[in-house]
Amino acid sequence: MQVNSLEDLVQHLKDFRSWGNQSEGYDAVGMFRLLGACLDNLRKNATKTDLADLAECLEAHQLMFLKKLSSGL
């Protein structure tokens, strides 16, 4: 994987299936660990102003899925 921009990284993560053999199926645990790392990073580094602007970064379906995840855990 070569990442030259934020857009490249975002697209790679959207297309992610597995760290290993693609035929092994989807690695939901790996993806969730990445989400956890992103949340830890935000908690550690983001200011209140940064956090106030975050909802604008997500699309409506992404916010709905995030709420669904949080209510199911």
C-alpha atoms as a PDB file:
ATOM      1  CA  MET A   1       0.000   0.000   0.000  1.00  0.00           C
ATOM      2  CA  GLN A   2       1.353   3.377  -0.970  1.00  0.00           C
ATOM      3  CA  VAL A   3      -0.356   6.427   0.488  1.00  0.00           C
ATOM      4  CA  ASN A   4       0.324   9.753  -1.177  1.00  0.00           C
ATOM      5  CA  SER A   5      -2.583  11.714   0.246  1.00  0.00           C
ATOM      6  CA  LEU A   6      -5.361  11.657   2.798  1.00  0.00           C
ATOM      7  CA  GLU A   7      -7.755  10.759  -0.008  1.00  0.00           C
ATOM      8  CA  ASP A   8      -5.619   7.694  -0.878  1.00  0.00           C
ATOM      9  CA  LEU A   9      -5.707   6.512   2.738  1.00  0.00           C
ATOM     10  CA  VAL A  10      -9.461   7.071   3.059  1.00  0.00           C
ATOM     11  CA  GLN A  11     -10.113   5.142  -0.151  1.00  0.00           C
ATOM     12  CA  HIS A  12      -7.826   2.304   0.947  1.00  0.00           C
ATOM     13  CA  LEU A  13      -9.713   1.987   4.227  1.00  0.00           C
ATOM     14  CA  LYS A  14     -13.083   2.063   2.440  1.00  0.00           C
ATOM     15  CA  ASP A  15     -11.914  -0.817   0.222  1.00  0.00           C
ATOM     16  CA  PHE A  16     -10.229  -2.770   3.062  1.00  0.00           C
ATOM     17  CA  ARG A  17     -11.094  -6.467   3.336  1.00  0.00           C
ATOM     18  CA  SER A  18      -8.213  -8.149   5.143  1.00  0.00           C
ATOM     19  CA  TRP A  19      -4.600  -7.651   6.205  1.00  0.00           C
ATOM     20  CA  GLY A  20      -3.675 -11.100   5.025  1.00  0.00           C
ATOM     21  CA  ASN A  21      -5.035 -13.364   2.340  1.00  0.00           C
ATOM     22  CA  GLN A  22      -8.028 -11.664   0.704  1.00  0.00           C
ATOM     23  CA  SER A  23      -9.729 -15.051   0.278  1.00  0.00           C
ATOM     24  CA  GLU A  24      -9.926 -15.457   4.066  1.00  0.00           C
ATOM     25  CA  GLY A  25     -12.874 -13.074   4.209  1.00  0.00           C
ATOM     26  CA  TYR A  26     -13.470  -9.763   5.874  1.00  0.00           C
ATOM     27  CA  ASP A  27     -11.373  -8.808   8.921  1.00  0.00           C
ATOM     28  CA  ALA A  28     -13.985  -6.979  11.020  1.00  0.00           C
ATOM     29  CA  VAL A  29     -11.772  -7.170  14.118  1.00  0.00           C
ATOM     30  CA  GLY A  30      -8.896  -5.507  12.273  1.00  0.00           C
ATOM     31  CA  MET A  31     -11.146  -2.721  11.008  1.00  0.00           C
ATOM     32  CA  PHE A  32     -12.651  -2.198  14.465  1.00  0.00           C
ATOM     33  CA  ARG A  33      -9.162  -1.960  15.978  1.00  0.00           C
ATOM     34  CA  LEU A  34      -8.398   0.800  13.459  1.00  0.00           C
ATOM     35  CA  LEU A  35     -11.592   2.584  14.513  1.00  0.00           C
ATOM     36  CA  GLY A  36     -10.541   2.232  18.151  1.00  0.00           C
ATOM     37  CA  ALA A  37      -7.126   3.690  17.362  1.00  0.00           C
ATOM     38  CA  CYS A  38      -8.781   6.648  15.605  1.00  0.00           C
ATOM     39  CA  LEU A  39     -11.037   7.236  18.617  1.00  0.00           C
ATOM     40  CA  ASP A  40      -8.062   7.078  20.999  1.00  0.00           C
ATOM     41  CA  ASN A  41      -6.213   9.568  18.805  1.00  0.00           C
ATOM     42  CA  LEU A  42      -9.166  11.978  18.816  1.00  0.00           C
ATOM     43  CA  ARG A  43      -9.602  11.659  22.593  1.00  0.00           C
ATOM     44  CA  LYS A  44      -5.919  12.366  23.145  1.00  0.00           C
ATOM     45  CA  ASN A  45      -5.326  15.142  20.604  1.00  0.00           C
ATOM     46  CA  ALA A  46      -8.531  16.872  19.502  1.00  0.00           C
ATOM     47  CA  THR A  47      -9.608  20.162  21.030  1.00  0.00           C
ATOM     48  CA  LYS A  48     -13.226  20.985  21.874  1.00  0.00           C
ATOM     49  CA  THR A  49     -13.361  23.089  18.714  1.00  0.00           C
ATOM     50  CA  ASP A  50     -12.068  20.153  16.645  1.00  0.00           C
ATOM     51  CA  LEU A  51     -14.705  17.867  18.143  1.00  0.00           C
ATOM     52  CA  ALA A  52     -17.504  20.362  17.483  1.00  0.00           C
ATOM     53  CA  ASP A  53     -16.681  20.270  13.769  1.00  0.00           C
ATOM     54  CA  LEU A  54     -16.455  16.478  13.422  1.00  0.00           C
ATOM     55  CA  ALA A  55     -20.095  15.787  12.600  1.00  0.00           C
ATOM     56  CA  GLU A  56     -19.639  17.767   9.389  1.00  0.00           C
ATOM     57  CA  CYS A  57     -16.965  15.275   8.303  1.00  0.00           C
ATOM     58  CA  LEU A  58     -19.378  12.343   8.255  1.00  0.00           C
ATOM     59  CA  GLU A  59     -22.269  11.618   5.938  1.00  0.00           C
ATOM     60  CA  ALA A  60     -25.727  10.958   7.394  1.00  0.00           C
ATOM     61  CA  HIS A  61     -25.504   7.191   6.798  1.00  0.00           C
ATOM     62  CA  GLN A  62     -22.121   7.103   8.577  1.00  0.00           C
ATOM     63  CA  LEU A  63     -23.517   8.920  11.625  1.00  0.00           C
ATOM     64  CA  MET A  64     -26.482   6.542  11.730  1.00  0.00           C
ATOM     65  CA  PHE A  65     -24.167   3.518  11.570  1.00  0.00           C
ATOM     66  CA  LEU A  66     -21.927   4.946  14.301  1.00  0.00           C
ATOM     67  CA  LYS A  67     -24.992   5.398  16.542  1.00  0.00           C
ATOM     68  CA  LYS A  68     -26.091   1.840  15.725  1.00  0.00           C
ATOM     69  CA  LEU A  69     -22.638   0.522  16.658  1.00  0.00           C
ATOM     70  CA  SER A  70     -22.572   2.419  19.941  1.00  0.00           C
ATOM     71  CA  SER A  71     -26.033   1.233  20.975  1.00  0.00           C
ATOM     72  CA  GLY A  72     -25.206  -2.385  20.158  1.00  0.00           C
ATOM     73  CA  LEU A  73     -21.999  -2.581  22.163  1.00  0.00           C
END
